[in-house]
C-alpha atoms as a PDB file:
ATOM      1  CA  MET A   1      85.358 154.006 140.769  1.00  0.00           C
ATOM      2  CA  ARG A   2      86.375 156.663 143.599  1.00  0.00           C
ATOM      3  CA  SER A   3      83.682 156.696 146.468  1.00  0.00           C
ATOM      4  CA  ILE A   4      82.183 160.692 146.570  1.00  0.00           C
ATOM      5  CA  LYS A   5      83.796 162.191 149.596  1.00  0.00           C
ATOM      6  CA  LEU A   6      82.950 165.993 150.229  1.00  0.00           C
ATOM      7  CA  GLN A   7      86.436 168.205 151.531  1.00  0.00           C
ATOM      8  CA  ASN A   8      85.341 169.786 154.787  1.00  0.00           C
ATOM      9  CA  ARG A   9      85.720 173.569 154.362  1.00  0.00           C
ATOM     10  CA  PRO A  10      85.962 175.849 157.478  1.00  0.00           C
ATOM     11  CA  GLY A  11      82.513 177.418 158.424  1.00  0.00           C
ATOM     12  CA  THR A  12      79.698 176.740 160.983  1.00  0.00           C
ATOM     13  CA  GLY A  13      78.711 173.724 162.797  1.00  0.00           C
ATOM     14  CA  THR A  14      75.199 174.134 160.733  1.00  0.00           C
ATOM     15  CA  TYR A  15      77.478 174.345 157.090  1.00  0.00           C
ATOM     16  CA  ILE A  16      79.376 171.142 158.044  1.00  0.00           C
ATOM     17  CA  LYS A  17      76.333 169.479 158.778  1.00  0.00           C
ATOM     18  CA  GLY A  18      74.739 170.433 155.254  1.00  0.00           C
ATOM     19  CA  GLN A  19      77.748 169.304 153.692  1.00  0.00           C
ATOM     20  CA  GLU A  20      77.499 166.034 155.204  1.00  0.00           C
ATOM     21  CA  ARG A  21      73.937 165.480 154.364  1.00  0.00           C
ATOM     22  CA  ILE A  22      74.677 166.477 150.646  1.00  0.00           C
ATOM     23  CA  GLU A  23      77.317 163.746 150.664  1.00  0.00           C
ATOM     24  CA  GLN A  24      75.080 161.187 152.163  1.00  0.00           C
ATOM     25  CA  ILE A  25      72.666 162.400 149.287  1.00  0.00           C
ATOM     26  CA  LEU A  26      75.069 162.128 146.222  1.00  0.00           C
ATOM     27  CA  VAL A  27      76.380 158.547 147.765  1.00  0.00           C
ATOM     28  CA  ALA A  28      72.553 157.441 147.607  1.00  0.00           C
ATOM     29  CA  ALA A  29      72.135 158.614 144.408  1.00  0.00           C
ATOM     30  CA  GLN A  30      75.510 157.238 142.835  1.00  0.00           C
ATOM     31  CA  GLY A  31      74.171 153.707 144.231  1.00  0.00           C
ATOM     32  CA  ILE A  32      71.051 153.634 143.027  1.00  0.00           C
ATOM     33  CA  LEU A  33      72.217 154.732 139.863  1.00  0.00           C
ATOM     34  CA  ILE A  34      74.944 151.923 139.502  1.00  0.00           C
ATOM     35  CA  ASP A  35      72.481 149.077 140.721  1.00  0.00           C
ATOM     36  CA  LYS A  36      69.378 150.299 139.435  1.00  0.00           C
ATOM     37  CA  GLY A  37      69.861 152.404 136.274  1.00  0.00           C
ATOM     38  CA  TYR A  38      68.727 155.810 135.573  1.00  0.00           C
ATOM     39  CA  SER A  39      65.192 154.701 134.997  1.00  0.00           C
ATOM     40  CA  GLY A  40      65.344 153.259 138.611  1.00  0.00           C
ATOM     41  CA  LEU A  41      66.721 156.769 139.851  1.00  0.00           C
ATOM     42  CA  SER A  42      64.078 158.759 141.602  1.00  0.00           C
ATOM     43  CA  MET A  43      63.946 161.727 144.340  1.00  0.00           C
ATOM     44  CA  ARG A  44      61.959 159.377 146.405  1.00  0.00           C
ATOM     45  CA  LYS A  45      64.260 156.540 146.390  1.00  0.00           C
ATOM     46  CA  ILE A  46      66.976 158.604 147.128  1.00  0.00           C
ATOM     47  CA  ALA A  47      65.115 160.345 150.025  1.00  0.00           C
ATOM     48  CA  THR A  48      64.245 156.810 151.549  1.00  0.00           C
ATOM     49  CA  ALA A  49      67.845 155.632 151.512  1.00  0.00           C
ATOM     50  CA  VAL A  50      69.231 158.546 153.149  1.00  0.00           C
ATOM     51  CA  GLY A  51      66.366 158.419 155.789  1.00  0.00           C
ATOM     52  CA  ILE A  52      64.845 161.850 155.056  1.00  0.00           C
ATOM     53  CA  THR A  53      61.630 163.120 153.580  1.00  0.00           C
ATOM     54  CA  ILE A  54      61.311 164.456 149.840  1.00  0.00           C
ATOM     55  CA  GLY A  55      60.778 167.862 151.211  1.00  0.00           C
ATOM     56  CA  ASN A  56      64.200 167.688 152.785  1.00  0.00           C
ATOM     57  CA  LEU A  57      65.630 166.330 149.601  1.00  0.00           C
ATOM     58  CA  HIS A  58      63.985 168.912 147.391  1.00  0.00           C
ATOM     59  CA  TYR A  59      65.955 171.898 149.759  1.00  0.00           C
ATOM     60  CA  TYR A  60      69.103 170.529 148.811  1.00  0.00           C
ATOM     61  CA  TYR A  61      68.245 169.666 145.049  1.00  0.00           C
ATOM     62  CA  PRO A  62      65.068 171.104 143.677  1.00  0.00           C
ATOM     63  CA  SER A  63      64.985 168.420 140.842  1.00  0.00           C
ATOM     64  CA  LYS A  64      66.831 165.138 139.659  1.00  0.00           C
ATOM     65  CA  LYS A  65      68.721 167.283 136.907  1.00  0.00           C
ATOM     66  CA  ASP A  66      70.326 169.461 139.703  1.00  0.00           C
ATOM     67  CA  LEU A  67      71.222 166.280 141.938  1.00  0.00           C
ATOM     68  CA  LEU A  68      72.754 164.682 138.517  1.00  0.00           C
ATOM     69  CA  SER A  69      74.654 168.066 137.919  1.00  0.00           C
ATOM     70  CA  ASP A  70      76.474 168.017 141.132  1.00  0.00           C
ATOM     71  CA  LEU A  71      76.947 164.118 141.229  1.00  0.00           C
ATOM     72  CA  LEU A  72      79.194 164.752 137.833  1.00  0.00           C
ATOM     73  CA  ASP A  73      80.864 167.402 139.386  1.00  0.00           C
ATOM     74  CA  HIS A  74      81.875 165.463 142.602  1.00  0.00           C
ATOM     75  CA  VAL A  75      82.631 162.258 140.483  1.00  0.00           C
ATOM     76  CA  ILE A  76      85.095 164.228 138.385  1.00  0.00           C
ATOM     77  CA  GLU A  77      86.907 165.886 141.299  1.00  0.00           C
ATOM     78  CA  GLY A  78      87.486 162.191 142.556  1.00  0.00           C
ATOM     79  CA  TYR A  79      88.992 161.087 139.301  1.00  0.00           C
ATOM     80  CA  LEU A  80      91.322 164.214 139.202  1.00  0.00           C
ATOM     81  CA  LEU A  81      92.360 163.472 142.730  1.00  0.00           C
ATOM     82  CA  GLU A  82      92.811 160.145 141.840  1.00  0.00           C
ATOM     83  CA  PHE A  83      94.973 161.015 138.454  1.00  0.00           C
ATOM     84  CA  ASN A  84      97.024 163.611 140.616  1.00  0.00           C
ATOM     85  CA  THR A  85      97.895 160.896 143.266  1.00  0.00           C
ATOM     86  CA  ALA A  86      98.997 158.607 140.196  1.00  0.00           C
ATOM     87  CA  ARG A  87     101.112 160.879 138.554  1.00  0.00           C
ATOM     88  CA  ALA A  88     102.971 161.956 141.981  1.00  0.00           C
ATOM     89  CA  GLU A  89     103.581 158.230 142.836  1.00  0.00           C
ATOM     90  CA  ALA A  90     104.801 157.589 138.907  1.00  0.00           C
ATOM     91  CA  GLY A  91     107.771 160.075 139.322  1.00  0.00           C
ATOM     92  CA  SER A  92     109.080 162.955 137.659  1.00  0.00           C
ATOM     93  CA  SER A  93     108.977 161.386 134.046  1.00  0.00           C
ATOM     94  CA  ALA A  94     106.044 162.556 131.961  1.00  0.00           C
ATOM     95  CA  LEU A  95     106.111 159.138 130.298  1.00  0.00           C
ATOM     96  CA  ASP A  96     105.850 157.156 133.535  1.00  0.00           C
ATOM     97  CA  GLN A  97     103.003 159.495 134.719  1.00  0.00           C
ATOM     98  CA  PHE A  98     101.222 158.864 131.336  1.00  0.00           C
ATOM     99  CA  ILE A  99     101.484 154.909 131.460  1.00  0.00           C
ATOM    100  CA  ALA A 100     100.151 155.298 135.528  1.00  0.00           C
ATOM    101  CA  ILE A 101      97.092 157.362 134.050  1.00  0.00           C
ATOM    102  CA  ILE A 102      96.404 154.848 131.552  1.00  0.00           C
ATOM    103  CA  ASN A 103      96.893 152.042 134.224  1.00  0.00           C
ATOM    104  CA  PHE A 104      94.637 153.256 136.487  1.00  0.00           C
ATOM    105  CA  ILE A 105      91.741 154.230 133.987  1.00  0.00           C
ATOM    106  CA  VAL A 106      92.196 150.537 132.661  1.00  0.00           C
ATOM    107  CA  ASP A 107      92.009 149.306 135.923  1.00  0.00           C
ATOM    108  CA  ASP A 108      88.952 151.391 137.000  1.00  0.00           C
ATOM    109  CA  LEU A 109      86.957 150.335 133.987  1.00  0.00           C
ATOM    110  CA  THR A 110      86.990 146.703 135.124  1.00  0.00           C
ATOM    111  CA  THR A 111      85.268 147.968 138.553  1.00  0.00           C
ATOM    112  CA  HIS A 112      81.535 147.096 139.149  1.00  0.00           C
ATOM    113  CA  ASP A 113      80.766 150.433 140.134  1.00  0.00           C
ATOM    114  CA  THR A 114      82.396 152.288 136.660  1.00  0.00           C
ATOM    115  CA  THR A 115      80.985 149.183 134.510  1.00  0.00           C
ATOM    116  CA  ASN A 116      77.422 150.148 135.401  1.00  0.00           C
ATOM    117  CA  PHE A 117      77.881 153.947 136.205  1.00  0.00           C
ATOM    118  CA  PHE A 118      79.264 155.411 132.749  1.00  0.00           C
ATOM    119  CA  PRO A 119      76.982 153.584 130.305  1.00  0.00           C
ATOM    120  CA  GLU A 120      73.694 154.882 132.166  1.00  0.00           C
ATOM    121  CA  LEU A 121      75.188 158.288 131.843  1.00  0.00           C
ATOM    122  CA  TRP A 122      75.796 157.684 128.187  1.00  0.00           C
ATOM    123  CA  ALA A 123      72.736 156.519 127.571  1.00  0.00           C
ATOM    124  CA  LEU A 124      70.726 159.546 129.205  1.00  0.00           C
ATOM    125  CA  ALA A 125      72.987 161.937 127.491  1.00  0.00           C
ATOM    126  CA  ASN A 126      71.782 160.786 124.082  1.00  0.00           C
ATOM    127  CA  HIS A 127      68.288 161.970 125.166  1.00  0.00           C
ATOM    128  CA  ASP A 128      68.810 165.090 127.460  1.00  0.00           C
ATOM    129  CA  GLU A 129      70.561 167.786 126.305  1.00  0.00           C
ATOM    130  CA  GLN A 130      71.892 169.383 129.865  1.00  0.00           C
ATOM    131  CA  ALA A 131      73.113 165.696 130.880  1.00  0.00           C
ATOM    132  CA  ALA A 132      75.082 165.651 127.331  1.00  0.00           C
ATOM    133  CA  GLU A 133      76.436 168.826 128.241  1.00  0.00           C
ATOM    134  CA  ARG A 134      77.435 167.929 131.697  1.00  0.00           C
ATOM    135  CA  MET A 135      78.961 164.779 130.401  1.00  0.00           C
ATOM    136  CA  HIS A 136      80.954 166.626 127.847  1.00  0.00           C
ATOM    137  CA  GLU A 137      82.274 168.707 130.577  1.00  0.00           C
ATOM    138  CA  LEU A 138      83.077 165.787 133.024  1.00  0.00           C
ATOM    139  CA  TYR A 139      85.350 164.078 130.072  1.00  0.00           C
ATOM    140  CA  ARG A 140      86.954 167.458 129.129  1.00  0.00           C
ATOM    141  CA  LYS A 141      88.251 167.633 132.476  1.00  0.00           C
ATOM    142  CA  ALA A 142      89.483 164.295 132.593  1.00  0.00           C
ATOM    143  CA  ARG A 143      91.414 164.597 129.478  1.00  0.00           C
ATOM    144  CA  LEU A 144      93.295 167.681 131.434  1.00  0.00           C
ATOM    145  CA  ASP A 145      95.939 165.739 132.833  1.00  0.00           C
ATOM    146  CA  ILE A 146      96.338 163.285 129.514  1.00  0.00           C
ATOM    147  CA  ASN A 147      96.576 166.504 127.131  1.00  0.00           C
ATOM    148  CA  ASP A 148      99.176 167.790 129.571  1.00  0.00           C
ATOM    149  CA  LEU A 149     101.597 164.871 129.630  1.00  0.00           C
ATOM    150  CA  ILE A 150     101.152 164.797 125.887  1.00  0.00           C
ATOM    151  CA  ALA A 151     102.529 167.995 125.561  1.00  0.00           C
ATOM    152  CA  GLN A 152     105.501 167.474 127.571  1.00  0.00           C
ATOM    153  CA  ILE A 153     106.189 163.957 125.839  1.00  0.00           C
ATOM    154  CA  ASN A 154     105.598 165.249 122.258  1.00  0.00           C
ATOM    155  CA  PRO A 155     105.934 168.978 122.145  1.00  0.00           C
ATOM    156  CA  THR A 156     105.954 169.255 118.330  1.00  0.00           C
ATOM    157  CA  LEU A 157     102.036 168.959 118.187  1.00  0.00           C
ATOM    158  CA  SER A 158     100.036 172.159 118.477  1.00  0.00           C
ATOM    159  CA  HIS A 159      97.345 172.564 121.097  1.00  0.00           C
ATOM    160  CA  GLN A 160      94.560 171.493 118.649  1.00  0.00           C
ATOM    161  CA  GLN A 161      96.618 168.350 117.864  1.00  0.00           C
ATOM    162  CA  ARG A 162      97.353 167.406 121.665  1.00  0.00           C
ATOM    163  CA  GLU A 163      93.537 167.489 122.258  1.00  0.00           C
ATOM    164  CA  GLU A 164      92.602 165.556 119.251  1.00  0.00           C
ATOM    165  CA  VAL A 165      95.416 162.660 120.210  1.00  0.00           C
ATOM    166  CA  GLY A 166      93.951 163.206 124.033  1.00  0.00           C
ATOM    167  CA  LEU A 167      90.193 162.906 122.971  1.00  0.00           C
ATOM    168  CA  PHE A 168      91.311 159.581 120.803  1.00  0.00           C
ATOM    169  CA  ILE A 169      92.983 157.983 123.494  1.00  0.00           C
ATOM    170  CA  SER A 170      90.526 158.649 126.149  1.00  0.00           C
ATOM    171  CA  ALA A 171      87.329 157.736 123.823  1.00  0.00           C
ATOM    172  CA  SER A 172      89.375 154.448 122.861  1.00  0.00           C
ATOM    173  CA  LEU A 173      90.141 153.715 126.849  1.00  0.00           C
ATOM    174  CA  GLU A 174      86.292 154.410 127.614  1.00  0.00           C
ATOM    175  CA  GLY A 175      85.293 152.448 124.525  1.00  0.00           C
ATOM    176  CA  LEU A 176      86.717 149.400 126.140  1.00  0.00           C
ATOM    177  CA  THR A 177      84.215 149.090 128.919  1.00  0.00           C
ATOM    178  CA  PRO A 178      81.554 147.050 127.317  1.00  0.00           C
ATOM    179  CA  PHE A 179      84.541 144.431 126.700  1.00  0.00           C
ATOM    180  CA  ILE A 180      86.618 144.354 130.100  1.00  0.00           C
ATOM    181  CA  GLY A 181      84.275 145.720 132.402  1.00  0.00           C
ATOM    182  CA  ASN A 182      83.197 143.981 135.387  1.00  0.00           C
ATOM    183  CA  GLY A 183      81.705 140.561 134.322  1.00  0.00           C
ATOM    184  CA  LYS A 184      82.032 141.549 130.781  1.00  0.00           C
ATOM    185  CA  PRO A 185      83.481 138.854 128.231  1.00  0.00           C
ATOM    186  CA  TRP A 186      87.081 139.900 128.182  1.00  0.00           C
ATOM    187  CA  ASN A 187      87.380 140.898 131.754  1.00  0.00           C
ATOM    188  CA  SER A 188      89.843 137.898 132.379  1.00  0.00           C
ATOM    189  CA  ASN A 189      92.249 139.155 129.758  1.00  0.00           C
ATOM    190  CA  VAL A 190      92.391 142.719 131.298  1.00  0.00           C
ATOM    191  CA  ALA A 191      96.412 142.337 131.813  1.00  0.00           C
ATOM    192  CA  ASN A 192      97.297 141.504 128.152  1.00  0.00           C
ATOM    193  CA  ILE A 193      94.597 144.386 126.979  1.00  0.00           C
ATOM    194  CA  LYS A 194      96.442 146.740 129.317  1.00  0.00           C
ATOM    195  CA  ARG A 195      99.545 146.085 127.632  1.00  0.00           C
ATOM    196  CA  ILE A 196      98.585 146.767 124.763  1.00  0.00           C
ATOM    197  CA  ALA A 197      96.741 150.007 125.438  1.00  0.00           C
ATOM    198  CA  ILE A 198     100.035 151.117 126.903  1.00  0.00           C
ATOM    199  CA  LYS A 199     102.202 150.254 123.819  1.00  0.00           C
ATOM    200  CA  SER A 200      99.680 151.740 121.454  1.00  0.00           C
ATOM    201  CA  PHE A 201      99.000 154.851 123.284  1.00  0.00           C
ATOM    202  CA  VAL A 202     103.176 155.471 124.412  1.00  0.00           C
ATOM    203  CA  ASP A 203     103.921 154.618 120.433  1.00  0.00           C
ATOM    204  CA  LEU A 204     101.128 157.204 119.386  1.00  0.00           C
ATOM    205  CA  VAL A 205     102.142 160.139 121.638  1.00  0.00           C
ATOM    206  CA  THR A 206     105.888 159.470 121.305  1.00  0.00           C
ATOM    207  CA  ASP A 207     106.004 159.193 117.312  1.00  0.00           C
ATOM    208  CA  ILE A 208     103.061 161.118 116.067  1.00  0.00           C
ATOM    209  CA  ARG A 209     103.702 164.414 114.242  1.00  0.00           C
ATOM    210  CA  ASP A 210     102.109 167.232 112.579  1.00  0.00           C
ATOM    211  CA  GLU A 211     101.940 165.772 109.160  1.00  0.00           C
ATOM    212  CA  ASP A 212     100.478 162.434 110.496  1.00  0.00           C
ATOM    213  CA  ILE A 213      97.579 164.100 111.507  1.00  0.00           C
ATOM    214  CA  ALA A 214      97.341 167.248 108.745  1.00  0.00           C
ATOM    215  CA  SER A 215      97.801 164.658 106.132  1.00  0.00           C
ATOM    216  CA  SER A 216      95.134 163.700 103.179  1.00  0.00           C
ATOM    217  CA  LYS A 217      94.065 160.290 103.187  1.00  0.00           C
ATOM    218  CA  SER A 218      95.937 159.520  99.622  1.00  0.00           C
ATOM    219  CA  GLU A 219      98.958 160.972 101.442  1.00  0.00           C
ATOM    220  CA  LEU A 220      98.720 158.584 104.379  1.00  0.00           C
ATOM    221  CA  ILE A 221      97.956 155.505 102.073  1.00  0.00           C
ATOM    222  CA  ALA A 222     101.236 156.332 100.138  1.00  0.00           C
ATOM    223  CA  ALA A 223     103.104 156.702 103.177  1.00  0.00           C
ATOM    224  CA  CYS A 224     101.989 153.321 104.181  1.00  0.00           C
ATOM    225  CA  ASP A 225     102.987 151.503 101.119  1.00  0.00           C
END
């Protein structure tokens, strides 16, 4: 999981100092969420970790929900940068870039931070409407690169179909977390799981056609017989 690092923007010294404080707050919140879970995340613990007062923390974030919303924004910004880097290093081939994205995601799922961070957010999203909305937005942005590459690899698919295939791929990868994540039962088999994922998703994106998605259940069964 990429460490939070705010980009310095032109401005006064006071503005830069404020940005540095926000970075410290978000890093502290992320660390507590990973180590203690959402139930262990409190504004007081965050303030203590940063070395500021509760009043100072509330100056930047009036509530824990505001802080969480900003945290998720910066988490996804970090991932989008990583996706851009993976694509650039893979070269000009859309298929190679697609494979690079899958490689990165699977490897990231095995890290301690990612293994703990996202399941906490999933659980929170089941009970908090705002958290659910932010999570949907986070994953929507995360799928943009996958959807773009699907469009290049298989231009026969409509926009909606690319969205559906991209959602399936993203959900399938994220669903591996409880099994191949850090300290999980299948963590030692990650290399093979990654090969299976690449083979499966490359075949899917390359071969799937409009009729495969639009066909009725009876038609799909008949086609497989």
